[in-house]
Amino acid sequence: QVQLVESGGGLVQPGGSLRLSCAASGFVFSNYAMSWYRQAPGKERERVSTITNEHDITTYADFVKGRFTMSRDNNQNMVYLQMNSLKPEDTAVYYCTRTNYGGWGKGTLVTASS
């Protein structure tokens, strides 16, 4: 079955950086676009970024453009999210998922706070 395991979250000061990882299994990883989503307390889940399965084309939500970078490694079945210049409003649980096909892990908590 589809398994997605996110890691790399933690507490960071505003302006700091974190790198999230997502380990995927149970499906042919290279056949799927992948996305990162996040859900802040009391808010709905929102898309952060997407990467295609061919050519690694990335798209980002406006609120992270220029600060976050998504990448993937099809040999290791991994996706990554490099987050720089973190803001308090980036505080949320971050999830990876198969774009349009779903499957969700437990997420990893990112807290940007002084």
PDB file of N, CA and C in Angstrom:
ATOM      1  N   GLN A   1       0.834  -1.180   0.000  1.00  0.00           N
ATOM      2  CA  GLN A   1       0.000   0.000   0.000  1.00  0.00           C
ATOM      3  C   GLN A   1       0.880   1.244   0.000  1.00  0.00           C
ATOM      4  N   VAL A   2       0.266   2.351  -0.360  1.00  0.00           N
ATOM      5  CA  VAL A   2       0.989   3.616  -0.420  1.00  0.00           C
ATOM      6  C   VAL A   2       1.419   4.024   0.977  1.00  0.00           C
ATOM      7  N   GLN A   3       2.712   4.305   1.111  1.00  0.00           N
ATOM      8  CA  GLN A   3       3.231   4.832   2.375  1.00  0.00           C
ATOM      9  C   GLN A   3       4.072   6.070   2.098  1.00  0.00           C
ATOM     10  N   LEU A   4       3.819   7.098   2.896  1.00  0.00           N
ATOM     11  CA  LEU A   4       4.559   8.351   2.807  1.00  0.00           C
ATOM     12  C   LEU A   4       4.967   8.750   4.208  1.00  0.00           C
ATOM     13  N   VAL A   5       6.262   8.943   4.403  1.00  0.00           N
ATOM     14  CA  VAL A   5       6.782   9.249   5.737  1.00  0.00           C
ATOM     15  C   VAL A   5       7.584  10.537   5.667  1.00  0.00           C
ATOM     16  N   GLU A   6       7.039  11.569   6.294  1.00  0.00           N
ATOM     17  CA  GLU A   6       7.696  12.874   6.322  1.00  0.00           C
ATOM     18  C   GLU A   6       8.610  12.996   7.534  1.00  0.00           C
ATOM     19  N   SER A   7       9.694  13.755   7.381  1.00  0.00           N
ATOM     20  CA  SER A   7      10.616  13.994   8.484  1.00  0.00           C
ATOM     21  C   SER A   7      11.334  15.320   8.245  1.00  0.00           C
ATOM     22  N   GLY A   8      12.034  15.766   9.289  1.00  0.00           N
ATOM     23  CA  GLY A   8      12.849  16.962   9.171  1.00  0.00           C
ATOM     24  C   GLY A   8      12.281  18.213   9.802  1.00  0.00           C
ATOM     25  N   GLY A   9      11.065  18.137  10.320  1.00  0.00           N
ATOM     26  CA  GLY A   9      10.487  19.299  10.970  1.00  0.00           C
ATOM     27  C   GLY A   9      11.165  19.602  12.296  1.00  0.00           C
ATOM     28  N   GLY A  10      10.786  20.737  12.869  1.00  0.00           N
ATOM     29  CA  GLY A  10      11.346  21.125  14.159  1.00  0.00           C
ATOM     30  C   GLY A  10      11.069  22.582  14.453  1.00  0.00           C
ATOM     31  N   LEU A  11      11.722  23.055  15.498  1.00  0.00           N
ATOM     32  CA  LEU A  11      11.595  24.449  15.926  1.00  0.00           C
ATOM     33  C   LEU A  11      12.761  25.255  15.363  1.00  0.00           C
ATOM     34  N   VAL A  12      12.444  26.352  14.712  1.00  0.00           N
ATOM     35  CA  VAL A  12      13.477  27.201  14.123  1.00  0.00           C
ATOM     36  C   VAL A  12      13.099  28.653  14.332  1.00  0.00           C
ATOM     37  N   GLN A  13      14.076  29.503  14.489  1.00  0.00           N
ATOM     38  CA  GLN A  13      13.814  30.932  14.647  1.00  0.00           C
ATOM     39  C   GLN A  13      13.389  31.538  13.310  1.00  0.00           C
ATOM     40  N   PRO A  14      12.571  32.558  13.349  1.00  0.00           N
ATOM     41  CA  PRO A  14      12.226  33.248  12.091  1.00  0.00           C
ATOM     42  C   PRO A  14      13.484  33.661  11.357  1.00  0.00           C
ATOM     43  N   GLY A  15      13.464  33.452  10.040  1.00  0.00           N
ATOM     44  CA  GLY A  15      14.639  33.702   9.217  1.00  0.00           C
ATOM     45  C   GLY A  15      15.512  32.478   9.015  1.00  0.00           C
ATOM     46  N   GLY A  16      15.249  31.431   9.764  1.00  0.00           N
ATOM     47  CA  GLY A  16      16.045  30.218   9.677  1.00  0.00           C
ATOM     48  C   GLY A  16      15.614  29.294   8.545  1.00  0.00           C
ATOM     49  N   SER A  17      16.249  28.135   8.494  1.00  0.00           N
ATOM     50  CA  SER A  17      16.013  27.172   7.418  1.00  0.00           C
ATOM     51  C   SER A  17      15.786  25.776   7.974  1.00  0.00           C
ATOM     52  N   LEU A  18      15.020  25.007   7.215  1.00  0.00           N
ATOM     53  CA  LEU A  18      14.832  23.587   7.480  1.00  0.00           C
ATOM     54  C   LEU A  18      14.733  22.859   6.146  1.00  0.00           C
ATOM     55  N   ARG A  19      15.085  21.587   6.164  1.00  0.00           N
ATOM     56  CA  ARG A  19      14.906  20.748   4.989  1.00  0.00           C
ATOM     57  C   ARG A  19      14.038  19.553   5.359  1.00  0.00           C
ATOM     58  N   LEU A  20      12.885  19.472   4.727  1.00  0.00           N
ATOM     59  CA  LEU A  20      11.974  18.356   4.952  1.00  0.00           C
ATOM     60  C   LEU A  20      12.244  17.247   3.942  1.00  0.00           C
ATOM     61  N   SER A  21      12.023  16.012   4.388  1.00  0.00           N
ATOM     62  CA  SER A  21      12.163  14.845   3.519  1.00  0.00           C
ATOM     63  C   SER A  21      10.876  14.035   3.554  1.00  0.00           C
ATOM     64  N   CYS A  22      10.626  13.329   2.475  1.00  0.00           N
ATOM     65  CA  CYS A  22       9.474  12.432   2.397  1.00  0.00           C
ATOM     66  C   CYS A  22       9.914  11.147   1.717  1.00  0.00           C
ATOM     67  N   ALA A  23       9.802  10.041   2.437  1.00  0.00           N
ATOM     68  CA  ALA A  23      10.142   8.725   1.894  1.00  0.00           C
ATOM     69  C   ALA A  23       8.865   8.057   1.396  1.00  0.00           C
ATOM     70  N   ALA A  24       8.872   7.651   0.125  1.00  0.00           N
ATOM     71  CA  ALA A  24       7.684   7.072  -0.503  1.00  0.00           C
ATOM     72  C   ALA A  24       7.895   5.593  -0.798  1.00  0.00           C
ATOM     73  N   SER A  25       6.840   4.805  -0.654  1.00  0.00           N
ATOM     74  CA  SER A  25       6.893   3.382  -0.985  1.00  0.00           C
ATOM     75  C   SER A  25       5.492   2.887  -1.316  1.00  0.00           C
ATOM     76  N   GLY A  26       5.418   1.702  -1.937  1.00  0.00           N
ATOM     77  CA  GLY A  26       4.136   1.083  -2.241  1.00  0.00           C
ATOM     78  C   GLY A  26       3.556   1.462  -3.590  1.00  0.00           C
ATOM     79  N   PHE A  27       4.288   2.231  -4.376  1.00  0.00           N
ATOM     80  CA  PHE A  27       3.831   2.595  -5.719  1.00  0.00           C
ATOM     81  C   PHE A  27       5.072   2.928  -6.565  1.00  0.00           C
ATOM     82  N   VAL A  28       4.855   3.027  -7.864  1.00  0.00           N
ATOM     83  CA  VAL A  28       5.965   3.337  -8.769  1.00  0.00           C
ATOM     84  C   VAL A  28       6.205   4.839  -8.712  1.00  0.00           C
ATOM     85  N   PHE A  29       7.122   5.220  -7.872  1.00  0.00           N
ATOM     86  CA  PHE A  29       7.343   6.623  -7.527  1.00  0.00           C
ATOM     87  C   PHE A  29       7.570   7.490  -8.767  1.00  0.00           C
ATOM     88  N   SER A  30       8.354   7.028  -9.705  1.00  0.00           N
ATOM     89  CA  SER A  30       8.732   7.842 -10.853  1.00  0.00           C
ATOM     90  C   SER A  30       7.552   8.129 -11.785  1.00  0.00           C
ATOM     91  N   ASN A  31       6.422   7.479 -11.587  1.00  0.00           N
ATOM     92  CA  ASN A  31       5.243   7.707 -12.419  1.00  0.00           C
ATOM     93  C   ASN A  31       4.350   8.840 -11.927  1.00  0.00           C
ATOM     94  N   TYR A  32       4.647   9.394 -10.765  1.00  0.00           N
ATOM     95  CA  TYR A  32       3.736  10.342 -10.142  1.00  0.00           C
ATOM     96  C   TYR A  32       4.368  11.692  -9.867  1.00  0.00           C
ATOM     97  N   ALA A  33       3.590  12.744 -10.182  1.00  0.00           N
ATOM     98  CA  ALA A  33       3.935  14.041  -9.632  1.00  0.00           C
ATOM     99  C   ALA A  33       3.696  13.992  -8.125  1.00  0.00           C
ATOM    100  N   MET A  34       4.438  14.798  -7.396  1.00  0.00           N
ATOM    101  CA  MET A  34       4.329  14.827  -5.941  1.00  0.00           C
ATOM    102  C   MET A  34       4.119  16.260  -5.475  1.00  0.00           C
ATOM    103  N   SER A  35       3.456  16.396  -4.346  1.00  0.00           N
ATOM    104  CA  SER A  35       3.178  17.716  -3.790  1.00  0.00           C
ATOM    105  C   SER A  35       3.464  17.753  -2.308  1.00  0.00           C
ATOM    106  N   TRP A  36       3.760  18.933  -1.829  1.00  0.00           N
ATOM    107  CA  TRP A  36       3.790  19.229  -0.390  1.00  0.00           C
ATOM    108  C   TRP A  36       2.566  20.097  -0.069  1.00  0.00           C
ATOM    109  N   TYR A  37       1.926  19.761   1.027  1.00  0.00           N
ATOM    110  CA  TYR A  37       0.839  20.549   1.581  1.00  0.00           C
ATOM    111  C   TYR A  37       1.180  20.901   3.015  1.00  0.00           C
ATOM    112  N   ARG A  38       0.449  21.850   3.558  1.00  0.00           N
ATOM    113  CA  ARG A  38       0.606  22.164   4.976  1.00  0.00           C
ATOM    114  C   ARG A  38      -0.734  22.524   5.578  1.00  0.00           C
ATOM    115  N   GLN A  39      -0.820  22.333   6.882  1.00  0.00           N
ATOM    116  CA  GLN A  39      -2.031  22.691   7.615  1.00  0.00           C
ATOM    117  C   GLN A  39      -1.641  23.356   8.918  1.00  0.00           C
ATOM    118  N   ALA A  40      -1.992  24.611   9.035  1.00  0.00           N
ATOM    119  CA  ALA A  40      -1.743  25.367  10.250  1.00  0.00           C
ATOM    120  C   ALA A  40      -2.902  25.173  11.224  1.00  0.00           C
ATOM    121  N   PRO A  41      -2.666  25.385  12.514  1.00  0.00           N
ATOM    122  CA  PRO A  41      -3.744  25.214  13.498  1.00  0.00           C
ATOM    123  C   PRO A  41      -4.967  26.050  13.163  1.00  0.00           C
ATOM    124  N   GLY A  42      -6.123  25.413  13.111  1.00  0.00           N
ATOM    125  CA  GLY A  42      -7.361  26.129  12.850  1.00  0.00           C
ATOM    126  C   GLY A  42      -7.602  26.508  11.407  1.00  0.00           C
ATOM    127  N   LYS A  43      -6.727  26.046  10.516  1.00  0.00           N
ATOM    128  CA  LYS A  43      -6.868  26.413   9.109  1.00  0.00           C
ATOM    129  C   LYS A  43      -6.987  25.157   8.248  1.00  0.00           C
ATOM    130  N   GLU A  44      -7.449  25.357   7.016  1.00  0.00           N
ATOM    131  CA  GLU A  44      -7.553  24.244   6.085  1.00  0.00           C
ATOM    132  C   GLU A  44      -6.175  23.896   5.502  1.00  0.00           C
ATOM    133  N   ARG A  45      -6.072  22.649   5.049  1.00  0.00           N
ATOM    134  CA  ARG A  45      -4.838  22.228   4.401  1.00  0.00           C
ATOM    135  C   ARG A  45      -4.679  22.986   3.080  1.00  0.00           C
ATOM    136  N   GLU A  46      -3.445  23.413   2.779  1.00  0.00           N
ATOM    137  CA  GLU A  46      -3.191  24.166   1.557  1.00  0.00           C
ATOM    138  C   GLU A  46      -1.951  23.635   0.852  1.00  0.00           C
ATOM    139  N   ARG A  47      -1.985  23.731  -0.473  1.00  0.00           N
ATOM    140  CA  ARG A  47      -0.850  23.259  -1.275  1.00  0.00           C
ATOM    141  C   ARG A  47       0.311  24.222  -1.174  1.00  0.00           C
ATOM    142  N   VAL A  48       1.495  23.679  -1.009  1.00  0.00           N
ATOM    143  CA  VAL A  48       2.716  24.478  -0.928  1.00  0.00           C
ATOM    144  C   VAL A  48       3.479  24.423  -2.246  1.00  0.00           C
ATOM    145  N   SER A  49       3.672  23.217  -2.771  1.00  0.00           N
ATOM    146  CA  SER A  49       4.471  23.067  -3.983  1.00  0.00           C
ATOM    147  C   SER A  49       4.172  21.729  -4.643  1.00  0.00           C
ATOM    148  N   THR A  50       4.514  21.646  -5.939  1.00  0.00           N
ATOM    149  CA  THR A  50       4.333  20.434  -6.727  1.00  0.00           C
ATOM    150  C   THR A  50       5.542  20.256  -7.627  1.00  0.00           C
ATOM    151  N   ILE A  51       5.914  18.993  -7.851  1.00  0.00           N
ATOM    152  CA  ILE A  51       6.990  18.682  -8.785  1.00  0.00           C
ATOM    153  C   ILE A  51       6.502  17.573  -9.720  1.00  0.00           C
ATOM    154  N   THR A  52       6.704  17.755 -11.015  1.00  0.00           N
ATOM    155  CA  THR A  52       6.253  16.762 -11.971  1.00  0.00           C
ATOM    156  C   THR A  52       7.144  15.525 -11.924  1.00  0.00           C
ATOM    157  N   ASN A  53       6.610  14.426 -12.480  1.00  0.00           N
ATOM    158  CA  ASN A  53       7.397  13.198 -12.497  1.00  0.00           C
ATOM    159  C   ASN A  53       8.383  13.178 -13.666  1.00  0.00           C
ATOM    160  N   GLU A  54       8.119  13.955 -14.683  1.00  0.00           N
ATOM    161  CA  GLU A  54       9.060  14.085 -15.794  1.00  0.00           C
ATOM    162  C   GLU A  54       9.591  15.513 -15.819  1.00  0.00           C
ATOM    163  N   HIS A  55      10.851  15.658 -15.995  1.00  0.00           N
ATOM    164  CA  HIS A  55      11.526  16.954 -16.135  1.00  0.00           C
ATOM    165  C   HIS A  55      11.578  17.759 -14.841  1.00  0.00           C
ATOM    166  N   ASP A  56      11.003  17.222 -13.759  1.00  0.00           N
ATOM    167  CA  ASP A  56      11.107  17.882 -12.439  1.00  0.00           C
ATOM    168  C   ASP A  56      10.682  19.354 -12.488  1.00  0.00           C
ATOM    169  N   ILE A  57       9.593  19.622 -13.144  1.00  0.00           N
ATOM    170  CA  ILE A  57       9.078  20.993 -13.186  1.00  0.00           C
ATOM    171  C   ILE A  57       8.365  21.289 -11.872  1.00  0.00           C
ATOM    172  N   THR A  58       8.712  22.408 -11.259  1.00  0.00           N
ATOM    173  CA  THR A  58       8.150  22.756  -9.954  1.00  0.00           C
ATOM    174  C   THR A  58       7.235  23.974 -10.053  1.00  0.00           C
ATOM    175  N   THR A  59       6.209  23.964  -9.227  1.00  0.00           N
ATOM    176  CA  THR A  59       5.354  25.124  -9.056  1.00  0.00           C
ATOM    177  C   THR A  59       5.169  25.362  -7.564  1.00  0.00           C
ATOM    178  N   TYR A  60       4.949  26.636  -7.212  1.00  0.00           N
ATOM    179  CA  TYR A  60       4.882  27.005  -5.805  1.00  0.00           C
ATOM    180  C   TYR A  60       3.700  27.929  -5.551  1.00  0.00           C
ATOM    181  N   ALA A  61       3.152  27.821  -4.348  1.00  0.00           N
ATOM    182  CA  ALA A  61       2.175  28.802  -3.907  1.00  0.00           C
ATOM    183  C   ALA A  61       2.868  30.148  -3.754  1.00  0.00           C
ATOM    184  N   ASP A  62       2.118  31.207  -3.974  1.00  0.00           N
ATOM    185  CA  ASP A  62       2.708  32.547  -3.925  1.00  0.00           C
ATOM    186  C   ASP A  62       3.367  32.831  -2.575  1.00  0.00           C
ATOM    187  N   PHE A  63       2.806  32.276  -1.509  1.00  0.00           N
ATOM    188  CA  PHE A  63       3.319  32.627  -0.183  1.00  0.00           C
ATOM    189  C   PHE A  63       4.659  31.979   0.140  1.00  0.00           C
ATOM    190  N   VAL A  64       5.180  31.083  -0.730  1.00  0.00           N
ATOM    191  CA  VAL A  64       6.503  30.488  -0.498  1.00  0.00           C
ATOM    192  C   VAL A  64       7.467  30.730  -1.653  1.00  0.00           C
ATOM    193  N   LYS A  65       6.997  31.328  -2.718  1.00  0.00           N
ATOM    194  CA  LYS A  65       7.868  31.560  -3.882  1.00  0.00           C
ATOM    195  C   LYS A  65       9.111  32.349  -3.497  1.00  0.00           C
ATOM    196  N   GLY A  66      10.235  31.872  -3.972  1.00  0.00           N
ATOM    197  CA  GLY A  66      11.503  32.533  -3.681  1.00  0.00           C
ATOM    198  C   GLY A  66      12.125  32.126  -2.360  1.00  0.00           C
ATOM    199  N   ARG A  67      11.394  31.373  -1.533  1.00  0.00           N
ATOM    200  CA  ARG A  67      11.910  30.955  -0.231  1.00  0.00           C
ATOM    201  C   ARG A  67      12.042  29.438  -0.126  1.00  0.00           C
ATOM    202  N   PHE A  68      11.121  28.707  -0.738  1.00  0.00           N
ATOM    203  CA  PHE A  68      11.102  27.240  -0.661  1.00  0.00           C
ATOM    204  C   PHE A  68      11.509  26.637  -1.997  1.00  0.00           C
ATOM    205  N   THR A  69      12.189  25.491  -1.938  1.00  0.00           N
ATOM    206  CA  THR A  69      12.578  24.763  -3.146  1.00  0.00           C
ATOM    207  C   THR A  69      12.246  23.290  -2.975  1.00  0.00           C
ATOM    208  N   MET A  70      11.479  22.757  -3.918  1.00  0.00           N
ATOM    209  CA  MET A  70      11.112  21.341  -3.888  1.00  0.00           C
ATOM    210  C   MET A  70      11.978  20.570  -4.871  1.00  0.00           C
ATOM    211  N   SER A  71      12.365  19.354  -4.491  1.00  0.00           N
ATOM    212  CA  SER A  71      13.145  18.495  -5.373  1.00  0.00           C
ATOM    213  C   SER A  71      12.763  17.043  -5.137  1.00  0.00           C
ATOM    214  N   ARG A  72      13.234  16.161  -5.998  1.00  0.00           N
ATOM    215  CA  ARG A  72      12.952  14.738  -5.848  1.00  0.00           C
ATOM    216  C   ARG A  72      14.142  13.918  -6.304  1.00  0.00           C
ATOM    217  N   ASP A  73      14.214  12.691  -5.791  1.00  0.00           N
ATOM    218  CA  ASP A  73      15.239  11.725  -6.184  1.00  0.00           C
ATOM    219  C   ASP A  73      14.507  10.428  -6.530  1.00  0.00           C
ATOM    220  N   ASN A  74      14.345  10.164  -7.812  1.00  0.00           N
ATOM    221  CA  ASN A  74      13.596   8.980  -8.231  1.00  0.00           C
ATOM    222  C   ASN A  74      14.341   7.680  -7.931  1.00  0.00           C
ATOM    223  N   ASN A  75      15.648   7.754  -7.750  1.00  0.00           N
ATOM    224  CA  ASN A  75      16.414   6.546  -7.417  1.00  0.00           C
ATOM    225  C   ASN A  75      16.185   6.135  -5.962  1.00  0.00           C
ATOM    226  N   GLN A  76      15.940   7.130  -5.112  1.00  0.00           N
ATOM    227  CA  GLN A  76      15.751   6.872  -3.685  1.00  0.00           C
ATOM    228  C   GLN A  76      14.288   6.950  -3.258  1.00  0.00           C
ATOM    229  N   ASN A  77      13.390   7.259  -4.208  1.00  0.00           N
ATOM    230  CA  ASN A  77      11.960   7.428  -3.883  1.00  0.00           C
ATOM    231  C   ASN A  77      11.755   8.469  -2.791  1.00  0.00           C
ATOM    232  N   MET A  78      12.403   9.623  -2.983  1.00  0.00           N
ATOM    233  CA  MET A  78      12.352  10.682  -1.974  1.00  0.00           C
ATOM    234  C   MET A  78      11.930  11.997  -2.618  1.00  0.00           C
ATOM    235  N   VAL A  79      11.213  12.803  -1.861  1.00  0.00           N
ATOM    236  CA  VAL A  79      11.000  14.200  -2.203  1.00  0.00           C
ATOM    237  C   VAL A  79      11.482  15.062  -1.045  1.00  0.00           C
ATOM    238  N   TYR A  80      11.877  16.273  -1.360  1.00  0.00           N
ATOM    239  CA  TYR A  80      12.449  17.177  -0.374  1.00  0.00           C
ATOM    240  C   TYR A  80      11.806  18.559  -0.500  1.00  0.00           C
ATOM    241  N   LEU A  81      11.861  19.281   0.609  1.00  0.00           N
ATOM    242  CA  LEU A  81      11.421  20.668   0.602  1.00  0.00           C
ATOM    243  C   LEU A  81      12.435  21.474   1.404  1.00  0.00           C
ATOM    244  N   GLN A  82      13.239  22.257   0.707  1.00  0.00           N
ATOM    245  CA  GLN A  82      14.180  23.170   1.360  1.00  0.00           C
ATOM    246  C   GLN A  82      13.447  24.466   1.659  1.00  0.00           C
ATOM    247  N   MET A  83      13.386  24.814   2.927  1.00  0.00           N
ATOM    248  CA  MET A  83      12.648  25.994   3.362  1.00  0.00           C
ATOM    249  C   MET A  83      13.617  27.002   3.958  1.00  0.00           C
ATOM    250  N   ASN A  84      13.732  28.152   3.343  1.00  0.00           N
ATOM    251  CA  ASN A  84      14.602  29.229   3.809  1.00  0.00           C
ATOM    252  C   ASN A  84      13.767  30.442   4.211  1.00  0.00           C
ATOM    253  N   SER A  85      14.383  31.331   4.941  1.00  0.00           N
ATOM    254  CA  SER A  85      13.720  32.571   5.369  1.00  0.00           C
ATOM    255  C   SER A  85      12.352  32.279   5.981  1.00  0.00           C
ATOM    256  N   LEU A  86      12.326  31.328   6.881  1.00  0.00           N
ATOM    257  CA  LEU A  86      11.051  30.932   7.476  1.00  0.00           C
ATOM    258  C   LEU A  86      10.420  32.068   8.273  1.00  0.00           C
ATOM    259  N   LYS A  87       9.090  32.106   8.207  1.00  0.00           N
ATOM    260  CA  LYS A  87       8.311  33.127   8.897  1.00  0.00           C
ATOM    261  C   LYS A  87       7.400  32.454   9.928  1.00  0.00           C
ATOM    262  N   PRO A  88       6.965  33.167  10.937  1.00  0.00           N
ATOM    263  CA  PRO A  88       6.029  32.567  11.907  1.00  0.00           C
ATOM    264  C   PRO A  88       4.784  31.987  11.230  1.00  0.00           C
ATOM    265  N   GLU A  89       4.334  32.600  10.166  1.00  0.00           N
ATOM    266  CA  GLU A  89       3.138  32.109   9.472  1.00  0.00           C
ATOM    267  C   GLU A  89       3.385  30.824   8.679  1.00  0.00           C
ATOM    268  N   ASP A  90       4.640  30.369   8.599  1.00  0.00           N
ATOM    269  CA  ASP A  90       4.939  29.067   8.003  1.00  0.00           C
ATOM    270  C   ASP A  90       4.722  27.919   8.978  1.00  0.00           C
ATOM    271  N   THR A  91       4.457  28.239  10.233  1.00  0.00           N
ATOM    272  CA  THR A  91       4.219  27.214  11.239  1.00  0.00           C
ATOM    273  C   THR A  91       3.011  26.367  10.857  1.00  0.00           C
ATOM    274  N   ALA A  92       3.230  25.047  10.733  1.00  0.00           N
ATOM    275  CA  ALA A  92       2.184  24.136  10.280  1.00  0.00           C
ATOM    276  C   ALA A  92       2.726  22.719  10.311  1.00  0.00           C
ATOM    277  N   VAL A  93       1.821  21.763  10.146  1.00  0.00           N
ATOM    278  CA  VAL A  93       2.217  20.386   9.861  1.00  0.00           C
ATOM    279  C   VAL A  93       2.329  20.261   8.345  1.00  0.00           C
ATOM    280  N   TYR A  94       3.451  19.741   7.887  1.00  0.00           N
ATOM    281  CA  TYR A  94       3.717  19.611   6.458  1.00  0.00           C
ATOM    282  C   TYR A  94       3.573  18.145   6.031  1.00  0.00           C
ATOM    283  N   TYR A  95       2.893  17.949   4.904  1.00  0.00           N
ATOM    284  CA  TYR A  95       2.622  16.617   4.374  1.00  0.00           C
ATOM    285  C   TYR A  95       3.077  16.518   2.926  1.00  0.00           C
ATOM    286  N   CYS A  96       3.534  15.333   2.533  1.00  0.00           N
ATOM    287  CA  CYS A  96       3.731  15.083   1.109  1.00  0.00           C
ATOM    288  C   CYS A  96       2.636  14.139   0.629  1.00  0.00           C
ATOM    289  N   THR A  97       2.358  14.201  -0.656  1.00  0.00           N
ATOM    290  CA  THR A  97       1.295  13.382  -1.220  1.00  0.00           C
ATOM    291  C   THR A  97       1.515  13.201  -2.711  1.00  0.00           C
ATOM    292  N   ARG A  98       0.886  12.182  -3.261  1.00  0.00           N
ATOM    293  CA  ARG A  98       0.879  12.003  -4.713  1.00  0.00           C
ATOM    294  C   ARG A  98      -0.123  13.000  -5.301  1.00  0.00           C
ATOM    295  N   THR A  99       0.338  13.839  -6.161  1.00  0.00           N
ATOM    296  CA  THR A  99      -0.527  14.866  -6.733  1.00  0.00           C
ATOM    297  C   THR A  99      -1.707  14.216  -7.450  1.00  0.00           C
ATOM    298  N   ASN A 100      -2.916  14.635  -7.095  1.00  0.00           N
ATOM    299  CA  ASN A 100      -4.176  14.170  -7.697  1.00  0.00           C
ATOM    300  C   ASN A 100      -4.542  12.727  -7.363  1.00  0.00           C
ATOM    301  N   TYR A 101      -3.659  11.996  -6.699  1.00  0.00           N
ATOM    302  CA  TYR A 101      -3.944  10.598  -6.388  1.00  0.00           C
ATOM    303  C   TYR A 101      -3.958  10.311  -4.901  1.00  0.00           C
ATOM    304  N   GLY A 102      -3.490  11.277  -4.129  1.00  0.00           N
ATOM    305  CA  GLY A 102      -3.605  11.154  -2.682  1.00  0.00           C
ATOM    306  C   GLY A 102      -2.658  10.153  -2.068  1.00  0.00           C
ATOM    307  N   GLY A 103      -3.007   9.845  -0.844  1.00  0.00           N
ATOM    308  CA  GLY A 103      -2.108   9.104   0.039  1.00  0.00           C
ATOM    309  C   GLY A 103      -1.443  10.129   0.921  1.00  0.00           C
ATOM    310  N   TRP A 104      -1.608   9.963   2.218  1.00  0.00           N
ATOM    311  CA  TRP A 104      -1.088  10.956   3.163  1.00  0.00           C
ATOM    312  C   TRP A 104      -0.330  10.266   4.271  1.00  0.00           C
ATOM    313  N   GLY A 105       0.774  10.885   4.675  1.00  0.00           N
ATOM    314  CA  GLY A 105       1.487  10.420   5.845  1.00  0.00           C
ATOM    315  C   GLY A 105       0.991  11.146   7.082  1.00  0.00           C
ATOM    316  N   LYS A 106       1.748  11.031   8.150  1.00  0.00           N
ATOM    317  CA  LYS A 106       1.374  11.682   9.412  1.00  0.00           C
ATOM    318  C   LYS A 106       1.830  13.119   9.465  1.00  0.00           C
ATOM    319  N   GLY A 107       2.709  13.494   8.555  1.00  0.00           N
ATOM    320  CA  GLY A 107       3.193  14.862   8.511  1.00  0.00           C
ATOM    321  C   GLY A 107       4.357  15.103   9.461  1.00  0.00           C
ATOM    322  N   THR A 108       4.961  16.271   9.316  1.00  0.00           N
ATOM    323  CA  THR A 108       6.042  16.694  10.204  1.00  0.00           C
ATOM    324  C   THR A 108       5.798  18.148  10.584  1.00  0.00           C
ATOM    325  N   LEU A 109       5.929  18.445  11.869  1.00  0.00           N
ATOM    326  CA  LEU A 109       5.597  19.772  12.389  1.00  0.00           C
ATOM    327  C   LEU A 109       6.768  20.731  12.236  1.00  0.00           C
ATOM    328  N   VAL A 110       6.482  21.869  11.638  1.00  0.00           N
ATOM    329  CA  VAL A 110       7.452  22.961  11.519  1.00  0.00           C
ATOM    330  C   VAL A 110       6.944  24.126  12.347  1.00  0.00           C
ATOM    331  N   THR A 111       7.786  24.608  13.238  1.00  0.00           N
ATOM    332  CA  THR A 111       7.435  25.758  14.065  1.00  0.00           C
ATOM    333  C   THR A 111       8.497  26.821  13.910  1.00  0.00           C
ATOM    334  N   ALA A 112       8.092  27.972  13.405  1.00  0.00           N
ATOM    335  CA  ALA A 112       9.001  29.110  13.246  1.00  0.00           C
ATOM    336  C   ALA A 112       8.628  30.136  14.299  1.00  0.00           C
ATOM    337  N   SER A 113       9.438  30.207  15.343  1.00  0.00           N
ATOM    338  CA  SER A 113       9.105  31.061  16.476  1.00  0.00           C
ATOM    339  C   SER A 113      10.371  31.426  17.229  1.00  0.00           C
ATOM    340  N   SER A 114      10.362  32.630  17.787  1.00  0.00           N
ATOM    341  CA  SER A 114      11.491  33.047  18.620  1.00  0.00           C
ATOM    342  C   SER A 114      11.196  32.778  20.090  1.00  0.00           C
TER     343      SER A 114
END
